Amino acid sequence: MKPKTRTAWRMALPALMALALAMPAAAQDAPAEPEAMSMAQFAPAVIRTDSIPGAYEAVHWAEAGLVFVASVPSFDKGTPGFIHVLDAADLHPIRQIQLPRRPFALALDRSTGRLYAGNTLDGSLTVIDAKGGQILDTIQLGQPEGEGFEHTRMIALDEEKGLAFVTSPGQKGVTWIVDTKAGELLHRIEGGLWTAGAAYDAAAGRFYASGGGIEEIAVIDAAGARVGAISTGATTEEGAEASQHFLVNLAIDAEGQRLFAADANKGALYVFDIAGAKVAKQVPVGSGMLDVAYNPARSEIYATWRGVERENKAGTGGLAVIDAQDYAVKQRIPLPSHPNSLEVSEDGRTLFVTVKAPHDKDHPDYREGALDSLLRIDLERLGEGGE
C-alpha cells in the first residue's frame, strides 16, 4: 500500500492504500494493446485547468452546464473545504462555495438541485443548493472514533425514493442509508472490511458496497437489509492481513447486470456477473488502480491508476479506456502525476478527470504550491491529433 501522504487515494484514507499497494500484482498475461497515447495525440480532445487545491471528486450537471469539484486545500484540523463550480464547456470558474467541513465525495440529486458532499474526516454529509451555493443542512453519520469520527467515503443516490447510500471504509465496514427528504439517518448496516466502493441499481433497488475480506461486495436493499454478497473466492480467512483484494471503487452496468471494480491490491479491473455472483473477467490496469466509471453510450469503461507502489514512491499514473464488450484496452493515456476521480457526462460524450499534483517532496515532479487539475476529455476526439 501507498505511504501516508495527502494524495494517498481518492478519499484520503492512506492506511488502506498502503496495505493495498503492498499486495502482489495480478499474475495474468495481458492481451496486446495499442501503445500509450502521446500528448500530441491527446491534446485535441482535452481542456485542462490547473487551478484547484486538493481536488477530489467531480460531478457534472448538464441542465445547468456546470461541473462541481470537491476541494480540500489543507488537512490541518479546523480548516475549511470548498466546492469549485466550473463551466462544463470550457472549465472557466463560476464560483467557489466555502464549507466548514472538508468535502471529498460528491453526489448530485438533479431532481431537487441538491448537491451532497461527503465530509470524510468528519463522518458527515453537507447538503448544498447546487445553483445558489447555500448550505442547507449537515447530516452526521459517523460515530465518535478516537479523536474523530467514523469516516464517510462514497455516496450513491436514489432520487425517486429520496435515499442516499454512504459507505464507511474502516476495519468494521459500515453502510448508512439516509432519508434525503427528511435529512435523517434511516439505517446503519454493519459488516464487511474496508467498505469503500459504491454502486446503485435504482430499478432493482439494490446497493452494492465493495471493499476487502471474504465477501468483497455486499448487496443491500433499499430497506436496509443485507440480501446477498458477491465474492472473488480468493480470500478464505477473516482479517485485513488475509484479504487478497481491495475493491476500492465500483461502477455498474445496470442493464447488463455487471459490476466493474477497481482492485487497488492487484492493479486490475474485475468484472462481476451480478446474477451469477462471480468474476466474469479480469483486466490488468496498473499499480495503484483507483477509480472506475462505465459509459453505456459508448460501451466503454474508464479506469485510473496512480502508478505508485511501496517500493516506487516516484511513480506516475494514467487513464485506461477499455472496451466494455470484449474488455480490450483501447487506449492508455499518461496523466502525470496522479489521476484520481472520474465523472462521465450525462450524455456520455465527455469524461471529467481530476489529477493530483505530487504532495510528497521526494517525488521528482513535486513543486511547492502546485495545484491539482481538472481535465475535460471529448471522447469523440480521442486520438485525432498527430505527432
Protein backbone atom coordinates (compact mmCIF):
# COMPACT_ATOMS: atom_id res chain seq x y z
CA MET A 1 0.00 0.00 0.00
CA LYS A 2 0.87 3.58 -0.53
CA PRO A 3 2.72 5.62 2.13
CA LYS A 4 0.77 8.04 4.26
CA THR A 5 0.55 11.21 2.16
CA ARG A 6 -2.18 13.68 1.35
CA THR A 7 -2.58 12.19 -2.10
CA ALA A 8 -2.82 8.61 -0.90
CA TRP A 9 -6.12 7.84 -2.55
CA ARG A 10 -9.44 9.13 -3.69
CA MET A 11 -10.96 9.67 -0.26
CA ALA A 12 -7.86 10.47 1.78
CA LEU A 13 -7.53 7.15 3.62
CA PRO A 14 -3.80 6.40 3.15
CA ALA A 15 -3.59 3.50 5.60
CA LEU A 16 -5.83 1.33 3.43
CA MET A 17 -3.97 2.13 0.22
CA ALA A 18 -0.68 1.35 1.93
CA LEU A 19 -1.94 -2.17 2.57
CA ALA A 20 -3.32 -2.47 -0.94
CA LEU A 21 -0.11 -1.48 -2.70
CA ALA A 22 1.88 -3.95 -0.63
CA MET A 23 -0.03 -6.84 -2.22
CA PRO A 24 1.36 -8.70 -5.26
CA ALA A 25 0.28 -7.66 -8.74
CA ALA A 26 -2.10 -9.84 -10.72
CA ALA A 27 -0.46 -12.78 -12.42
CA GLN A 28 -2.21 -12.74 -15.79
CA ASP A 29 -0.95 -12.35 -19.32
CA ALA A 30 -2.15 -9.02 -20.70
CA PRO A 31 -3.62 -9.02 -24.22
CA ALA A 32 -1.93 -6.97 -26.89
CA GLU A 33 -2.94 -3.33 -26.71
CA PRO A 34 -2.00 -0.09 -28.50
CA GLU A 35 0.97 1.98 -27.44
CA ALA A 36 0.35 4.71 -24.88
CA MET A 37 -1.16 7.80 -26.43
CA SER A 38 1.22 10.73 -26.82
CA MET A 39 0.39 14.20 -25.57
CA ALA A 40 0.20 15.39 -29.19
CA GLN A 41 -2.44 12.78 -29.92
CA PHE A 42 -4.32 13.59 -26.71
CA ALA A 43 -4.24 17.38 -26.98
CA PRO A 44 -7.14 17.96 -29.44
CA ALA A 45 -9.53 16.12 -27.13
CA VAL A 46 -8.76 17.83 -23.82
CA ILE A 47 -9.32 21.09 -21.97
CA ARG A 48 -7.39 21.37 -18.71
CA THR A 49 -7.37 23.72 -15.74
CA ASP A 50 -4.60 23.51 -13.11
CA SER A 51 -6.41 25.63 -10.58
CA ILE A 52 -7.86 23.51 -7.77
CA PRO A 53 -6.05 22.96 -4.47
CA GLY A 54 -6.69 19.46 -3.17
CA ALA A 55 -9.08 18.22 -5.88
CA TYR A 56 -11.09 15.07 -5.28
CA GLU A 57 -14.43 14.08 -6.82
CA ALA A 58 -16.20 15.89 -9.65
CA VAL A 59 -19.86 15.76 -10.70
CA HIS A 60 -21.49 17.06 -13.89
CA TRP A 61 -24.87 18.81 -14.18
CA ALA A 62 -25.85 19.06 -17.84
CA GLU A 63 -29.02 21.09 -17.31
CA ALA A 64 -27.10 23.90 -15.61
CA GLY A 65 -23.96 23.50 -17.75
CA LEU A 66 -21.82 23.10 -14.64
CA VAL A 67 -19.23 20.77 -13.15
CA PHE A 68 -18.58 20.72 -9.40
CA VAL A 69 -15.23 19.72 -7.88
CA ALA A 70 -14.62 18.89 -4.22
CA SER A 71 -11.55 20.69 -2.86
CA VAL A 72 -9.56 20.09 0.34
CA PRO A 73 -6.63 22.54 0.37
CA SER A 74 -5.40 21.53 3.84
CA PHE A 75 -5.63 18.55 6.16
CA ASP A 76 -4.93 20.74 9.18
CA LYS A 77 -7.70 20.41 11.73
CA GLY A 78 -10.29 23.18 11.61
CA THR A 79 -9.53 24.30 8.05
CA PRO A 80 -12.39 24.77 5.56
CA GLY A 81 -13.17 22.92 2.37
CA PHE A 82 -14.53 24.20 -0.93
CA ILE A 83 -16.70 23.28 -3.88
CA HIS A 84 -15.32 24.76 -7.10
CA VAL A 85 -18.08 25.43 -9.63
CA LEU A 86 -16.85 25.50 -13.24
CA ASP A 87 -18.40 25.93 -16.66
CA ALA A 88 -18.72 22.42 -18.06
CA ALA A 89 -17.94 23.55 -21.61
CA ASP A 90 -14.57 25.26 -21.12
CA LEU A 91 -13.83 24.87 -17.36
CA HIS A 92 -13.73 28.58 -16.63
CA PRO A 93 -14.53 29.28 -12.95
CA ILE A 94 -18.05 30.35 -11.99
CA ARG A 95 -17.88 30.49 -8.19
CA GLN A 96 -16.46 28.86 -5.06
CA ILE A 97 -18.57 27.55 -2.20
CA GLN A 98 -16.79 27.53 1.15
CA LEU A 99 -17.76 24.74 3.56
CA PRO A 100 -16.97 24.48 7.27
CA ARG A 101 -16.22 20.77 6.75
CA ARG A 102 -13.89 19.37 4.10
CA PRO A 103 -15.58 17.60 1.17
CA PHE A 104 -14.09 14.61 -0.66
CA ALA A 105 -17.08 12.86 -2.26
CA LEU A 106 -19.89 14.46 -4.26
CA ALA A 107 -23.31 13.32 -5.45
CA LEU A 108 -25.93 15.44 -7.20
CA ASP A 109 -29.70 14.99 -6.98
CA ARG A 110 -30.70 16.54 -10.29
CA SER A 111 -34.41 16.31 -9.49
CA THR A 112 -34.07 18.66 -6.50
CA GLY A 113 -30.89 20.56 -7.42
CA ARG A 114 -29.23 19.48 -4.20
CA LEU A 115 -25.54 18.64 -4.01
CA TYR A 116 -24.38 16.19 -1.33
CA ALA A 117 -20.77 16.50 -0.13
CA GLY A 118 -19.21 13.68 1.85
CA ASN A 119 -17.07 15.10 4.64
CA THR A 120 -14.83 12.08 5.03
CA LEU A 121 -12.87 13.07 8.12
CA ASP A 122 -15.94 14.40 9.96
CA GLY A 123 -18.17 11.44 9.10
CA SER A 124 -20.98 13.60 7.73
CA LEU A 125 -22.86 14.88 4.68
CA THR A 126 -23.27 18.55 3.80
CA VAL A 127 -26.37 19.38 1.74
CA ILE A 128 -25.94 22.33 -0.64
CA ASP A 129 -28.24 24.19 -3.01
CA ALA A 130 -26.34 23.48 -6.22
CA LYS A 131 -27.46 26.61 -8.11
CA GLY A 132 -27.19 29.21 -5.38
CA GLY A 133 -24.42 27.67 -3.27
CA GLN A 134 -26.23 27.93 0.08
CA ILE A 135 -25.57 25.27 2.72
CA LEU A 136 -28.93 23.71 3.58
CA ASP A 137 -28.09 21.05 6.14
CA THR A 138 -25.40 18.88 7.72
CA ILE A 139 -26.23 15.25 8.49
CA GLN A 140 -23.96 13.48 10.97
CA LEU A 141 -23.47 9.79 10.22
CA GLY A 142 -20.18 8.64 11.73
CA GLN A 143 -19.99 7.85 15.42
CA PRO A 144 -17.11 9.18 17.54
CA GLU A 145 -13.95 7.16 16.99
CA GLY A 146 -10.69 8.09 18.70
CA GLU A 147 -10.21 11.83 18.29
CA GLY A 148 -12.55 11.99 15.31
CA PHE A 149 -15.41 10.13 13.72
CA GLU A 150 -16.01 7.08 11.59
CA HIS A 151 -15.21 8.21 8.07
CA THR A 152 -17.63 8.55 5.20
CA ARG A 153 -16.49 7.75 1.69
CA MET A 154 -18.71 7.27 -1.37
CA ILE A 155 -22.29 8.45 -1.91
CA ALA A 156 -24.94 6.95 -4.22
CA LEU A 157 -28.42 8.44 -4.61
CA ASP A 158 -31.88 7.11 -5.35
CA GLU A 159 -33.56 10.34 -6.46
CA GLU A 160 -37.03 8.86 -6.81
CA LYS A 161 -37.09 7.27 -3.35
CA GLY A 162 -35.17 10.13 -1.75
CA LEU A 163 -32.35 7.97 -0.39
CA ALA A 164 -28.59 8.37 -0.06
CA PHE A 165 -26.34 5.35 0.44
CA VAL A 166 -22.99 6.17 2.07
CA THR A 167 -20.03 3.86 2.69
CA SER A 168 -17.51 3.88 5.55
CA PRO A 169 -14.17 2.14 4.90
CA GLY A 170 -12.92 1.14 8.34
CA GLN A 171 -11.87 -2.26 9.62
CA LYS A 172 -15.51 -2.55 10.68
CA GLY A 173 -17.31 -1.82 7.44
CA VAL A 174 -20.42 0.34 7.68
CA THR A 175 -23.08 1.47 5.21
CA TRP A 176 -25.58 4.21 6.06
CA ILE A 177 -28.90 4.87 4.34
CA VAL A 178 -30.18 8.44 4.64
CA ASP A 179 -33.66 9.85 4.02
CA THR A 180 -32.68 12.86 1.91
CA LYS A 181 -36.14 14.41 2.07
CA ALA A 182 -36.22 14.44 5.86
CA GLY A 183 -32.46 14.82 6.30
CA GLU A 184 -32.36 11.86 8.71
CA LEU A 185 -30.42 8.65 9.08
CA LEU A 186 -32.66 5.64 8.40
CA HIS A 187 -30.36 2.62 8.64
CA ARG A 188 -26.86 1.70 9.75
CA ILE A 189 -25.69 -1.63 8.29
CA GLU A 190 -22.51 -3.13 9.74
CA GLY A 191 -20.37 -5.82 8.18
CA GLY A 192 -17.51 -6.25 5.76
CA LEU A 193 -13.95 -4.97 5.61
CA TRP A 194 -12.96 -1.53 4.24
CA THR A 195 -16.43 -0.79 2.84
CA ALA A 196 -15.27 1.74 0.26
CA GLY A 197 -16.83 1.48 -3.21
CA ALA A 198 -20.47 2.18 -4.03
CA ALA A 199 -22.85 1.44 -6.91
CA TYR A 200 -26.64 1.53 -7.07
CA ASP A 201 -29.20 -0.12 -9.32
CA ALA A 202 -32.31 2.05 -8.93
CA ALA A 203 -34.58 -0.27 -10.95
CA ALA A 204 -33.73 -3.26 -8.79
CA GLY A 205 -33.44 -1.31 -5.55
CA ARG A 206 -30.03 -2.84 -4.88
CA PHE A 207 -26.99 -1.08 -3.43
CA TYR A 208 -23.53 -2.61 -3.81
CA ALA A 209 -20.77 -1.78 -1.31
CA SER A 210 -17.26 -3.07 -2.06
CA GLY A 211 -14.08 -3.49 -0.07
CA GLY A 212 -11.98 -6.45 1.04
CA GLY A 213 -12.40 -9.61 3.06
CA ILE A 214 -14.02 -12.93 2.19
CA GLU A 215 -17.12 -11.40 0.60
CA GLU A 216 -15.77 -8.30 -1.12
CA ILE A 217 -19.13 -6.92 -2.30
CA ALA A 218 -22.20 -6.64 -0.07
CA VAL A 219 -25.68 -6.44 -1.61
CA ILE A 220 -28.09 -4.24 0.37
CA ASP A 221 -31.72 -3.43 -0.40
CA ALA A 222 -33.41 -0.05 -0.02
CA ALA A 223 -35.00 -1.17 3.25
CA GLY A 224 -31.57 -1.57 4.84
CA ALA A 225 -31.27 -5.37 4.75
CA ARG A 226 -28.18 -7.16 3.56
CA VAL A 227 -29.64 -9.54 0.98
CA GLY A 228 -26.57 -11.11 -0.56
CA ALA A 229 -22.88 -10.93 -1.36
CA ILE A 230 -20.53 -11.26 -4.34
CA SER A 231 -17.05 -12.69 -3.90
CA THR A 232 -13.92 -13.43 -5.91
CA GLY A 233 -13.45 -16.51 -3.73
CA ALA A 234 -9.78 -15.66 -3.30
CA THR A 235 -9.86 -14.84 0.42
CA THR A 236 -10.64 -17.67 2.80
CA GLU A 237 -9.71 -16.22 6.19
CA GLU A 238 -11.07 -13.26 8.13
CA GLY A 239 -8.99 -10.16 8.79
CA ALA A 240 -7.15 -7.43 6.94
CA GLU A 241 -3.88 -9.32 6.58
CA ALA A 242 -5.59 -12.24 4.85
CA SER A 243 -7.53 -10.13 2.34
CA GLN A 244 -6.37 -10.72 -1.23
CA HIS A 245 -8.35 -7.85 -2.74
CA PHE A 246 -9.34 -4.28 -2.01
CA LEU A 247 -12.14 -3.24 -4.36
CA VAL A 248 -11.78 0.47 -3.71
CA ASN A 249 -14.32 1.74 -6.26
CA LEU A 250 -17.29 0.36 -8.20
CA ALA A 251 -19.30 1.15 -11.32
CA ILE A 252 -22.42 -0.61 -12.56
CA ASP A 253 -23.93 -1.65 -15.86
CA ALA A 254 -27.50 -1.96 -14.60
CA GLU A 255 -28.92 -3.10 -17.95
CA GLY A 256 -26.27 -5.79 -18.45
CA GLN A 257 -26.16 -6.67 -14.74
CA ARG A 258 -22.42 -6.26 -14.41
CA LEU A 259 -20.27 -4.64 -11.75
CA PHE A 260 -16.86 -3.13 -12.56
CA ALA A 261 -14.48 -2.99 -9.61
CA ALA A 262 -11.13 -1.21 -9.25
CA ASP A 263 -8.87 -3.53 -7.27
CA ALA A 264 -6.14 -1.49 -5.62
CA ASN A 265 -4.38 -4.64 -4.40
CA LYS A 266 -3.94 -6.26 -7.79
CA GLY A 267 -3.89 -3.19 -10.02
CA ALA A 268 -6.68 -4.74 -12.08
CA LEU A 269 -10.24 -4.22 -13.19
CA TYR A 270 -12.57 -7.00 -12.05
CA VAL A 271 -15.83 -7.58 -13.92
CA PHE A 272 -18.55 -9.36 -11.93
CA ASP A 273 -21.65 -11.08 -13.24
CA ILE A 274 -24.30 -9.96 -10.74
CA ALA A 275 -26.75 -12.80 -11.37
CA GLY A 276 -24.06 -15.44 -11.02
CA ALA A 277 -22.29 -13.56 -8.19
CA LYS A 278 -18.94 -14.40 -9.76
CA VAL A 279 -15.95 -12.94 -11.60
CA ALA A 280 -16.50 -12.75 -15.35
CA LYS A 281 -13.23 -11.07 -16.36
CA GLN A 282 -10.02 -9.61 -15.01
CA VAL A 283 -8.17 -6.83 -16.89
CA PRO A 284 -4.70 -5.63 -15.77
CA VAL A 285 -4.66 -1.83 -15.49
CA GLY A 286 -1.74 -0.55 -13.40
CA SER A 287 -0.22 -0.12 -9.95
CA GLY A 288 -2.36 1.84 -7.54
CA MET A 289 -5.55 1.41 -9.56
CA LEU A 290 -8.08 3.79 -8.12
CA ASP A 291 -11.29 4.74 -9.93
CA VAL A 292 -13.60 3.17 -12.48
CA ALA A 293 -16.53 4.52 -14.50
CA TYR A 294 -18.87 2.96 -17.06
CA ASN A 295 -20.22 4.75 -20.13
CA PRO A 296 -23.20 2.90 -21.67
CA ALA A 297 -23.48 5.43 -24.52
CA ARG A 298 -20.07 4.35 -25.88
CA SER A 299 -19.90 0.89 -24.29
CA GLU A 300 -16.63 1.85 -22.60
CA ILE A 301 -15.08 1.51 -19.16
CA TYR A 302 -12.61 4.09 -17.83
CA ALA A 303 -10.05 3.37 -15.14
CA THR A 304 -7.38 5.44 -13.41
CA TRP A 305 -4.19 4.18 -11.86
CA ARG A 306 -1.70 6.22 -9.84
CA GLY A 307 1.49 4.31 -10.60
CA VAL A 308 2.69 4.36 -7.00
CA GLU A 309 3.93 1.37 -5.03
CA ARG A 310 5.61 0.99 -1.66
CA GLU A 311 8.92 0.37 -3.45
CA ASN A 312 8.29 3.07 -6.07
CA LYS A 313 7.04 6.27 -4.47
CA ALA A 314 8.06 8.27 -7.54
CA GLY A 315 5.64 6.59 -9.93
CA THR A 316 3.12 8.24 -12.19
CA GLY A 317 -0.25 7.10 -13.47
CA GLY A 318 -2.72 7.34 -16.29
CA LEU A 319 -6.15 6.67 -17.74
CA ALA A 320 -7.19 3.46 -19.47
CA VAL A 321 -10.09 3.27 -21.95
CA ILE A 322 -11.47 -0.28 -22.07
CA ASP A 323 -13.99 -1.80 -24.48
CA ALA A 324 -16.98 -2.91 -22.39
CA GLN A 325 -17.79 -5.80 -24.74
CA ASP A 326 -14.51 -7.68 -25.21
CA TYR A 327 -12.58 -5.88 -22.39
CA ALA A 328 -9.68 -4.96 -24.67
CA VAL A 329 -7.71 -1.88 -23.63
CA LYS A 330 -8.37 0.60 -26.43
CA GLN A 331 -6.19 3.45 -25.20
CA ARG A 332 -3.74 4.27 -22.44
CA ILE A 333 -3.21 7.94 -21.69
CA PRO A 334 -0.38 9.03 -19.35
CA LEU A 335 -1.66 11.67 -16.90
CA PRO A 336 1.16 12.67 -14.59
CA SER A 337 1.28 12.53 -11.83
CA HIS A 338 -1.69 11.00 -10.03
CA PRO A 339 -5.05 10.64 -11.84
CA ASN A 340 -7.81 10.50 -9.29
CA SER A 341 -11.58 10.61 -9.84
CA LEU A 342 -13.74 10.04 -12.93
CA GLU A 343 -17.09 11.52 -13.98
CA VAL A 344 -18.89 10.63 -17.23
CA SER A 345 -21.13 13.39 -18.58
CA GLU A 346 -24.84 12.72 -18.69
CA ASP A 347 -24.82 12.27 -22.48
CA GLY A 348 -21.73 10.05 -22.42
CA ARG A 349 -19.72 12.27 -24.78
CA THR A 350 -17.36 13.79 -22.20
CA LEU A 351 -15.17 12.47 -19.41
CA PHE A 352 -14.01 14.63 -16.50
CA VAL A 353 -10.88 13.55 -14.62
CA THR A 354 -9.26 15.07 -11.55
CA VAL A 355 -5.45 14.80 -11.44
CA LYS A 356 -3.45 15.42 -8.30
CA ALA A 357 -0.03 17.03 -8.20
CA PRO A 358 2.56 15.18 -6.08
CA HIS A 359 2.47 16.26 -2.43
CA ASP A 360 5.44 14.09 -1.46
CA LYS A 361 8.56 16.28 -1.54
CA ASP A 362 10.65 13.27 -2.59
CA HIS A 363 8.66 12.86 -5.80
CA PRO A 364 10.67 14.12 -8.82
CA ASP A 365 7.66 16.08 -10.08
CA TYR A 366 6.98 17.81 -6.75
CA ARG A 367 6.67 21.60 -6.97
CA GLU A 368 5.96 23.78 -3.96
CA GLY A 369 2.49 25.27 -4.22
CA ALA A 370 1.43 23.21 -7.25
CA LEU A 371 -2.32 22.92 -7.69
CA ASP A 372 -4.40 19.96 -8.80
CA SER A 373 -6.13 19.70 -12.15
CA LEU A 374 -9.47 19.00 -13.79
CA LEU A 375 -9.48 17.62 -17.33
CA ARG A 376 -12.41 17.72 -19.73
CA ILE A 377 -11.97 14.99 -22.37
CA ASP A 378 -14.04 14.99 -25.55
CA LEU A 379 -14.35 11.23 -26.03
CA GLU A 380 -15.31 11.58 -29.70
CA ARG A 381 -12.00 13.31 -30.46
CA LEU A 382 -9.60 10.98 -28.68
CA GLY A 383 -6.69 10.14 -30.99
CA GLU A 384 -7.38 12.82 -33.59
CA GLY A 385 -4.05 14.58 -33.06
CA GLY A 386 -0.79 13.77 -34.77
CA GLU A 387 2.82 13.90 -33.71
